[in-house]
């Protein structure tokens, strides 16, 4: 679904990513782990065309990535950024609905069906559907951000540290939802610091100082505590 080959990127003269090789196949959940400053956020921003690559190639759904971020999102490459970035003045239902409004050919009936699917995924959103998104707790806002992204019919869902600042029980609820989406056939690229990502991932990459320093099955990495301590400390 997504393939990066020898991708580098930076801001000005500062190189942030170096020679990144990475892929996510359909129905696969891939985690990218790294400490603060490793380049994880920049990696997702490059894939979603918010930051230009200075070298290498990126192919999405069999085609070289071209165009701007909003066009890629409409094509199914959907990015849930760090910090959630919901619209606080809009209600929960309105935040969800705007995720689907620009999809080509979508009907009001389809939007209603997608809303009910997201309310079933995260029932608290239905309970809070008529209140402003800014009134939600941090965990509820993260659920809202994920559900808004899912309203966009993603082929590839990318998430930037969805567990950040959340209590363990909320992290678990979100990880379970992501695992279910992957089992249902969705490609997911999950950027995280927390090891909980390895519990649901098929494969994982470790990013350090802008470079991939290790990759393998999530099970292998989870059991290799020496590697995790060395690269994530």
Foldseek 3Di string as FASTA:
>chain_A
DKWWAQWWFDDDPDTQAGGDTDDWDWLFEEEEAAAPSLCLQVVLCCQLAVGPTPDTFMADPRHTDDDHNVVVLLVFEFEQEPPRPFDQAAFLQVSQLVLQPPRPPDDPVNLVVLVVVLCVLPVVCVVRRHHGLNPDDLLVSLSSSVSSSVSSVHQEYEYAASVPPHDPVSVVSVLVSVLVVSNVTHTYYYYHHDLVSLVRGQKYFYGGSNYTPDIDGSVVVSPCVVVCVVGHD
